[in-house]
Amino acid sequence: MTSTSTLPAATSAPIADPAVARPLSITAFALGLASVALGQTWLVPIAAIVLGAMGYKREPAGRALAVWGIVLGSVMAFGWLVAAVVGIAMAGPLVLWSIL
């Protein structure tokens, strides 16, 4: 006869689903990619930076995704800042020309 004592013991620790364990980091990364791909708004990169910072602090398992979200969001936010400065610099002489 077989003994039931050879069965493995059941573990009581729950298995964490990787997608559920790091929603802020995944969202930050997705928004960072969306800001690069779409590039139509300044709100998406800012949201990627904020959610990436929150995910970096709260979710140790998703730190790499959070960092990528912060980096991509920062690059695109810097791109919007450069575009705004260049636009103002280009429009300045036109405004002065129309006044004079």
C-alpha atoms as a PDB file:
ATOM      1  CA  MET A   1       0.000   0.000   0.000  1.00  0.00           C
ATOM      2  CA  THR A   2       1.096   3.559  -0.622  1.00  0.00           C
ATOM      3  CA  SER A   3       1.531   6.016   2.139  1.00  0.00           C
ATOM      4  CA  THR A   4      -0.083   9.448   1.995  1.00  0.00           C
ATOM      5  CA  SER A   5       2.847  11.013   3.819  1.00  0.00           C
ATOM      6  CA  THR A   6       4.853  11.229   0.569  1.00  0.00           C
ATOM      7  CA  LEU A   7       2.559  13.893  -0.915  1.00  0.00           C
ATOM      8  CA  PRO A   8       4.061  17.392  -1.134  1.00  0.00           C
ATOM      9  CA  ALA A   9       2.883  19.878   1.425  1.00  0.00           C
ATOM     10  CA  ALA A  10       0.533  22.593   0.232  1.00  0.00           C
ATOM     11  CA  THR A  11       1.980  26.072   0.221  1.00  0.00           C
ATOM     12  CA  SER A  12       0.003  28.820   1.855  1.00  0.00           C
ATOM     13  CA  ALA A  13       1.744  31.727   0.084  1.00  0.00           C
ATOM     14  CA  PRO A  14      -0.359  33.195  -2.721  1.00  0.00           C
ATOM     15  CA  ILE A  15       1.180  33.357  -6.178  1.00  0.00           C
ATOM     16  CA  ALA A  16       1.346  36.984  -7.295  1.00  0.00           C
ATOM     17  CA  ASP A  17       0.220  37.740 -10.816  1.00  0.00           C
ATOM     18  CA  PRO A  18       2.930  39.930 -12.409  1.00  0.00           C
ATOM     19  CA  ALA A  19       0.406  42.088 -14.260  1.00  0.00           C
ATOM     20  CA  VAL A  20      -1.559  42.780 -11.094  1.00  0.00           C
ATOM     21  CA  ALA A  21       1.496  43.397  -8.948  1.00  0.00           C
ATOM     22  CA  ARG A  22       2.664  46.457 -10.906  1.00  0.00           C
ATOM     23  CA  PRO A  23      -0.189  48.391 -12.539  1.00  0.00           C
ATOM     24  CA  LEU A  24       1.361  51.835 -12.035  1.00  0.00           C
ATOM     25  CA  SER A  25       4.630  50.806 -13.668  1.00  0.00           C
ATOM     26  CA  ILE A  26       2.902  49.183 -16.627  1.00  0.00           C
ATOM     27  CA  THR A  27       0.670  52.222 -17.112  1.00  0.00           C
ATOM     28  CA  ALA A  28       3.659  54.579 -16.925  1.00  0.00           C
ATOM     29  CA  PHE A  29       5.517  52.548 -19.538  1.00  0.00           C
ATOM     30  CA  ALA A  30       2.446  52.404 -21.804  1.00  0.00           C
ATOM     31  CA  LEU A  31       1.935  56.166 -21.510  1.00  0.00           C
ATOM     32  CA  GLY A  32       5.625  56.761 -22.206  1.00  0.00           C
ATOM     33  CA  LEU A  33       5.406  54.676 -25.359  1.00  0.00           C
ATOM     34  CA  ALA A  34       2.170  56.399 -26.352  1.00  0.00           C
ATOM     35  CA  SER A  35       3.738  59.821 -25.907  1.00  0.00           C
ATOM     36  CA  VAL A  36       6.585  58.837 -28.230  1.00  0.00           C
ATOM     37  CA  ALA A  37       4.327  57.178 -30.792  1.00  0.00           C
ATOM     38  CA  LEU A  38       1.591  59.795 -30.842  1.00  0.00           C
ATOM     39  CA  GLY A  39       3.418  62.939 -29.756  1.00  0.00           C
ATOM     40  CA  GLN A  40       0.320  65.123 -29.943  1.00  0.00           C
ATOM     41  CA  THR A  41      -0.078  66.267 -26.368  1.00  0.00           C
ATOM     42  CA  TRP A  42       1.950  67.410 -23.397  1.00  0.00           C
ATOM     43  CA  LEU A  43      -0.406  65.802 -20.867  1.00  0.00           C
ATOM     44  CA  VAL A  44       0.533  62.176 -21.630  1.00  0.00           C
ATOM     45  CA  PRO A  45       4.285  62.599 -20.916  1.00  0.00           C
ATOM     46  CA  ILE A  46       3.515  64.344 -17.633  1.00  0.00           C
ATOM     47  CA  ALA A  47       1.169  61.507 -16.638  1.00  0.00           C
ATOM     48  CA  ALA A  48       3.890  58.984 -17.559  1.00  0.00           C
ATOM     49  CA  ILE A  49       6.406  60.789 -15.350  1.00  0.00           C
ATOM     50  CA  VAL A  50       4.017  61.029 -12.383  1.00  0.00           C
ATOM     51  CA  LEU A  51       2.822  57.423 -12.607  1.00  0.00           C
ATOM     52  CA  GLY A  52       6.390  56.231 -13.153  1.00  0.00           C
ATOM     53  CA  ALA A  53       7.542  57.979  -9.990  1.00  0.00           C
ATOM     54  CA  MET A  54       4.650  56.498  -8.037  1.00  0.00           C
ATOM     55  CA  GLY A  55       5.312  53.034  -9.459  1.00  0.00           C
ATOM     56  CA  TYR A  56       9.021  53.292  -8.714  1.00  0.00           C
ATOM     57  CA  LYS A  57       8.325  53.996  -5.044  1.00  0.00           C
ATOM     58  CA  ARG A  58       5.436  51.577  -4.521  1.00  0.00           C
ATOM     59  CA  GLU A  59       6.192  48.617  -6.799  1.00  0.00           C
ATOM     60  CA  PRO A  60       9.647  47.047  -6.468  1.00  0.00           C
ATOM     61  CA  ALA A  61       8.813  44.379  -9.062  1.00  0.00           C
ATOM     62  CA  GLY A  62       8.048  46.991 -11.703  1.00  0.00           C
ATOM     63  CA  ARG A  63      10.955  49.360 -11.270  1.00  0.00           C
ATOM     64  CA  ALA A  64      12.375  48.783 -14.744  1.00  0.00           C
ATOM     65  CA  LEU A  65       9.061  49.620 -16.393  1.00  0.00           C
ATOM     66  CA  ALA A  66       8.636  52.646 -14.124  1.00  0.00           C
ATOM     67  CA  VAL A  67      12.100  53.932 -15.047  1.00  0.00           C
ATOM     68  CA  TRP A  68      11.343  53.497 -18.757  1.00  0.00           C
ATOM     69  CA  GLY A  69       8.068  55.357 -18.298  1.00  0.00           C
ATOM     70  CA  ILE A  70       9.883  58.203 -16.550  1.00  0.00           C
ATOM     71  CA  VAL A  71      12.622  58.344 -19.194  1.00  0.00           C
ATOM     72  CA  LEU A  72      10.280  58.258 -22.182  1.00  0.00           C
ATOM     73  CA  GLY A  73       7.934  60.787 -20.587  1.00  0.00           C
ATOM     74  CA  SER A  74      10.840  63.088 -19.714  1.00  0.00           C
ATOM     75  CA  VAL A  75      12.285  62.941 -23.227  1.00  0.00           C
ATOM     76  CA  MET A  76       8.941  63.827 -24.759  1.00  0.00           C
ATOM     77  CA  ALA A  77       8.226  66.562 -22.189  1.00  0.00           C
ATOM     78  CA  PHE A  78      11.657  68.037 -22.933  1.00  0.00           C
ATOM     79  CA  GLY A  79      10.822  67.828 -26.642  1.00  0.00           C
ATOM     80  CA  TRP A  80       7.637  69.799 -26.041  1.00  0.00           C
ATOM     81  CA  LEU A  81       9.606  72.400 -24.064  1.00  0.00           C
ATOM     82  CA  VAL A  82      12.141  72.763 -26.891  1.00  0.00           C
ATOM     83  CA  ALA A  83       9.319  73.035 -29.440  1.00  0.00           C
ATOM     84  CA  ALA A  84       7.642  75.743 -27.363  1.00  0.00           C
ATOM     85  CA  VAL A  85      10.861  77.758 -27.016  1.00  0.00           C
ATOM     86  CA  VAL A  86      11.606  77.467 -30.739  1.00  0.00           C
ATOM     87  CA  GLY A  87       8.020  78.431 -31.571  1.00  0.00           C
ATOM     88  CA  ILE A  88       8.164  81.505 -29.361  1.00  0.00           C
ATOM     89  CA  ALA A  89      11.561  82.462 -30.785  1.00  0.00           C
ATOM     90  CA  MET A  90      10.219  82.151 -34.329  1.00  0.00           C
ATOM     91  CA  ALA A  91       7.012  84.035 -33.572  1.00  0.00           C
ATOM     92  CA  GLY A  92       8.779  86.879 -31.751  1.00  0.00           C
ATOM     93  CA  PRO A  93      10.084  88.655 -34.861  1.00  0.00           C
ATOM     94  CA  LEU A  94       6.734  88.231 -36.611  1.00  0.00           C
ATOM     95  CA  VAL A  95       4.923  89.860 -33.705  1.00  0.00           C
ATOM     96  CA  LEU A  96       7.426  92.711 -33.644  1.00  0.00           C
ATOM     97  CA  TRP A  97       7.140  93.117 -37.428  1.00  0.00           C
ATOM     98  CA  SER A  98       3.363  93.402 -37.253  1.00  0.00           C
ATOM     99  CA  ILE A  99       3.566  96.009 -34.455  1.00  0.00           C
ATOM    100  CA  LEU A 100       6.006  98.211 -36.338  1.00  0.00           C
END
